[in-house]
Each structure stands twice: as C-alpha cells, then as structure tokens.
Protein backbone atom coordinates (compact mmCIF):
# COMPACT_ATOMS: atom_id res chain seq x y z
CA MET A 1 110.42 97.50 85.92
CA ARG A 2 110.66 101.17 86.77
CA SER A 3 113.41 102.36 89.08
CA ALA A 4 112.65 103.50 92.62
CA GLN A 5 113.47 107.07 91.53
CA ASP A 6 111.01 106.85 88.62
CA VAL A 7 108.25 105.56 90.89
CA ALA A 8 108.96 108.21 93.52
CA ARG A 9 109.17 111.10 91.06
CA ASP A 10 105.96 110.07 89.34
CA GLN A 11 104.02 109.65 92.59
CA VAL A 12 105.35 112.83 94.20
CA ARG A 13 104.64 114.85 91.06
CA ARG A 14 101.00 113.68 91.10
CA GLN A 15 100.51 113.94 94.87
CA ALA A 16 102.17 117.35 95.20
CA ASN A 17 99.96 118.98 92.58
CA SER A 18 98.32 122.07 94.16
CA LEU A 19 99.79 121.41 97.63
CA GLY A 20 101.01 124.35 99.67
CA ILE A 21 104.46 124.55 101.24
CA ALA A 22 103.16 123.39 104.66
CA ALA A 23 101.53 120.29 103.17
CA VAL A 24 104.72 119.51 101.25
CA ALA A 25 106.71 119.88 104.48
CA ASP A 26 104.35 117.34 106.08
CA LYS A 27 104.98 114.98 103.15
CA VAL A 28 108.75 115.38 103.66
CA ALA A 29 108.35 114.42 107.33
CA GLU A 30 106.13 111.45 106.47
CA ALA A 31 108.57 110.23 103.82
CA ALA A 32 111.47 110.57 106.28
CA LEU A 33 109.56 108.45 108.80
CA ARG A 34 108.67 105.79 106.21
CA GLU A 35 112.26 105.76 104.96
CA ARG A 36 113.53 105.09 108.51
CA GLU A 37 110.85 102.43 109.14
CA THR A 38 111.50 100.51 105.94
CA ALA A 39 115.28 100.74 106.38
CA GLU A 40 114.90 99.35 109.92
CA GLN A 41 112.65 96.53 108.66
CA LEU A 42 115.25 95.74 106.06
CA ARG A 43 118.05 95.62 108.64
CA GLN A 44 115.97 93.32 110.84
CA GLY A 45 115.07 91.09 107.90
CA GLY A 46 111.34 91.73 108.29
CA SER A 47 108.66 91.59 105.66
CA SER A 48 107.26 94.60 103.87
CA SER A 49 104.35 94.77 106.31
CA GLY A 50 101.48 93.68 104.12
CA PHE A 51 102.74 95.13 100.85
CA ASP A 52 103.22 92.76 97.96
CA MET A 53 106.72 94.11 97.36
CA ALA A 54 110.25 93.09 98.24
CA PRO A 55 111.47 94.89 101.39
CA GLU A 56 114.54 96.18 99.50
CA ARG A 57 112.37 97.72 96.81
CA LEU A 58 110.00 99.32 99.32
CA ALA A 59 112.92 100.79 101.26
CA GLY A 60 114.43 102.12 98.03
CA ILE A 61 111.16 103.71 96.97
CA TRP A 62 110.69 105.46 100.33
CA ALA A 63 114.30 106.74 100.24
CA ALA A 64 113.66 108.08 96.73
CA LYS A 65 110.32 109.61 97.76
CA HIS A 66 111.99 111.34 100.70
CA ALA A 67 114.63 112.80 98.38
CA GLU A 68 111.99 113.91 95.85
CA TRP A 69 109.72 115.51 98.47
CA ARG A 70 112.76 117.44 99.77
CA ARG A 71 113.58 118.56 96.22
CA VAL A 72 109.99 119.79 95.71
CA ARG A 73 110.01 121.59 99.09
CA ASP A 74 113.35 123.27 98.32
CA LEU A 75 112.20 124.24 94.81
CA MET A 76 109.01 125.80 96.17
CA ALA A 77 110.93 127.74 98.82
CA GLN A 78 113.58 128.92 96.35
CA ALA A 79 111.05 129.92 93.67
CA GLY A 80 108.63 131.44 96.19
CA TRP A 81 105.69 129.29 95.04
CA GLY A 82 102.61 129.21 97.23
CA VAL A 83 101.51 125.89 95.72
CA TYR A 84 103.26 123.25 93.66
CA GLU A 85 102.30 123.11 90.01
CA PRO A 86 104.01 120.28 88.10
CA GLU A 87 104.06 122.25 84.84
CA GLN A 88 106.28 124.92 86.44
CA ASP A 89 108.78 122.33 87.69
CA THR A 90 111.19 122.18 84.75
CA GLN A 91 113.36 119.42 86.22
CA GLY A 92 110.32 117.34 87.19
CA SER A 93 108.80 117.89 83.76
CA LYS A 94 112.05 116.84 82.10
CA TRP A 95 112.16 113.64 84.16
CA ALA A 96 108.50 112.94 83.40
CA GLN A 97 109.18 113.37 79.67
CA GLU A 98 112.20 111.04 79.89
CA ARG A 99 110.09 108.43 81.71
CA GLU A 100 107.43 108.69 79.01
CA GLU A 101 110.03 108.30 76.25
CA ARG A 102 111.54 105.24 77.99
CA ARG A 103 108.05 103.78 78.40
CA ASP A 104 107.21 104.40 74.74
CA GLY A 105 110.53 102.84 73.72
CA ALA A 106 109.89 99.80 75.88
CA LEU A 107 106.39 99.41 74.46
CA ALA A 108 107.71 99.70 70.90
CA ALA A 109 110.44 97.14 71.62
CA ARG A 110 107.85 94.81 73.11
CA ALA A 111 105.64 95.19 70.04
CA VAL A 112 108.59 94.35 67.77
CA PHE A 113 109.41 91.34 69.96
CA GLU A 114 105.80 90.11 69.84
CA ALA A 115 105.61 90.59 66.06
CA ARG A 116 108.83 88.65 65.66
CA ARG A 117 107.50 85.88 67.90
CA ARG A 118 104.33 85.64 65.82
CA GLU A 119 106.42 85.57 62.66
CA GLU A 120 108.67 82.85 64.08
CA ALA A 121 105.63 80.73 64.84
CA ASP A 122 105.04 80.53 61.08
CA GLU A 123 108.67 79.81 60.25
CA LEU A 124 109.86 76.29 59.63
CA ARG A 125 113.32 75.16 60.57
CA ALA A 126 114.28 71.74 59.37
CA GLU A 127 117.35 69.61 59.00
CA LEU A 128 117.21 68.01 55.57
CA TRP A 129 119.05 64.91 54.39
CA VAL A 130 119.17 64.70 50.61
CA SER A 131 120.43 61.63 48.77
CA ALA A 132 123.64 61.85 46.73
CA ALA A 133 122.24 62.64 43.27
CA PRO A 134 119.92 65.54 44.28
CA GLY A 135 122.58 66.72 46.75
CA ARG A 136 125.14 67.06 43.91
CA LEU A 137 122.62 69.07 41.87
CA ILE A 138 121.90 71.40 44.79
CA ARG A 139 125.64 71.86 45.49
CA ALA A 140 126.29 72.64 41.81
CA ALA A 141 123.46 75.24 41.74
CA ALA A 142 124.79 76.75 44.98
CA ASP A 143 128.34 76.96 43.61
CA ARG A 144 127.12 78.69 40.42
CA ALA A 145 125.13 81.24 42.45
CA GLY A 146 127.83 81.71 45.09
CA LEU A 147 125.49 80.47 47.81
CA MET A 148 125.49 77.80 50.47
CA PRO A 149 123.38 74.71 49.66
CA ALA A 150 121.02 75.59 52.53
CA GLU A 151 120.42 79.02 50.95
CA VAL A 152 119.49 77.39 47.64
CA LEU A 153 117.05 75.10 49.45
CA ALA A 154 115.53 78.09 51.28
CA GLN A 155 115.02 79.91 47.97
CA LEU A 156 113.59 76.73 46.48
CA ALA A 157 111.10 76.50 49.33
CA GLU A 158 110.07 80.13 48.80
CA GLN A 159 109.13 79.28 45.21
CA VAL A 160 106.82 76.37 46.11
CA VAL A 161 103.32 76.54 44.67
CA VAL A 162 100.53 74.34 46.05
CA SER A 163 97.57 73.84 43.73
CA GLU A 164 93.97 73.32 44.82
CA ASP A 165 94.31 69.54 44.53
CA GLY A 166 97.39 69.57 46.82
CA THR A 167 99.95 69.13 44.07
CA VAL A 168 103.27 70.75 44.97
CA SER A 169 105.42 72.26 42.24
CA VAL A 170 108.23 74.74 41.80
CA PRO A 171 108.37 76.96 38.74
CA SER A 172 111.77 77.42 37.12
CA PHE A 173 113.92 79.97 38.91
CA THR A 174 117.57 80.90 39.25
CA PRO A 175 119.02 81.00 42.75
CA SER A 176 120.59 84.37 43.51
CA ARG A 177 122.22 86.31 46.27
C-alpha cells in the first residue's frame, strides 16, 4: 500500500499540471478545509463519509495533500512560475522517480514470489521411512559423500527415469556435494 504522502504527491502533481498560482492557492484552501473536516470526523469517531477508506487513512491523505499543495504554491511563488509544470519541479520529479522505482521493485518482488509459488507447487516434500537394510546402504553412501541421508535420497530422486511403460529406474550415479 502506498503511503499517504505518496498518494498526495502523485495526485497533486497530476492535478496541479498547468494550474496558475491562484488556482493552486484555491487547492491549498480546499485541502486545508478537507484536512480539518477529516480530522474532526476522526476525533468524533465518524465514518469516512461514503468513501471506501479507513477514516485514519483519509485524514492522513488530506493532511499530506494540504502539505503538498502548500509546497507547490511556495515553489511557484519562489521560482516566479505563472503555471505549475511538473517537469520543472525537481523535488516532485525526484519523489515521482522514487515512487516509480519502489513500484517496480515491488512488482519484481511479487513476480519472484509468484514464480517461487508456482515452482513450489511442483515440489514434493515427503517423510520417508526406509527399512533397516536399505537405510544402512543410504547412510553408507551419505557418509562416503559427506552428505546427510536425506540429501542422498534427494539426489537419487533427481536421477529417476520413467519409461513409456511406467517402469521407474535410476541409472548409476555417485552422490556428491
């Protein structure tokens, strides 16, 4: 979930595009009003008035929007801009780039997670009880290779060949690290 600041900065950046200083001042006043209203609703324990959002989140977003609209207004006044152009706002552009990088990172992490989940669906985890004679053979092979018996069994399973008639066999191999 994006932070209230991320939501506010993104929305203000889009909404402020090509607005003059007077329109931005109106947005500052509107955001101040909404910030007060949502904070009051929060204090009174009211709902978010029809929005499908937690009252705390809505109040946080309006507080962040108010701060961001003030930052844009002050930047425009200081720089002497007649209209707001997001590309000229170096701080806003930096934040937008950081948001995009975080989003890309989250999407990449999600893709890795999903790939791992798909891979795990094909994995088989089993607890195996082997009688004494085969168990001694597996332990001896594991000792020679410096492995745990479960590692030898995993390597053995990786070598399994299933023929067209369903016959299962394992070609000769040497367990290794």
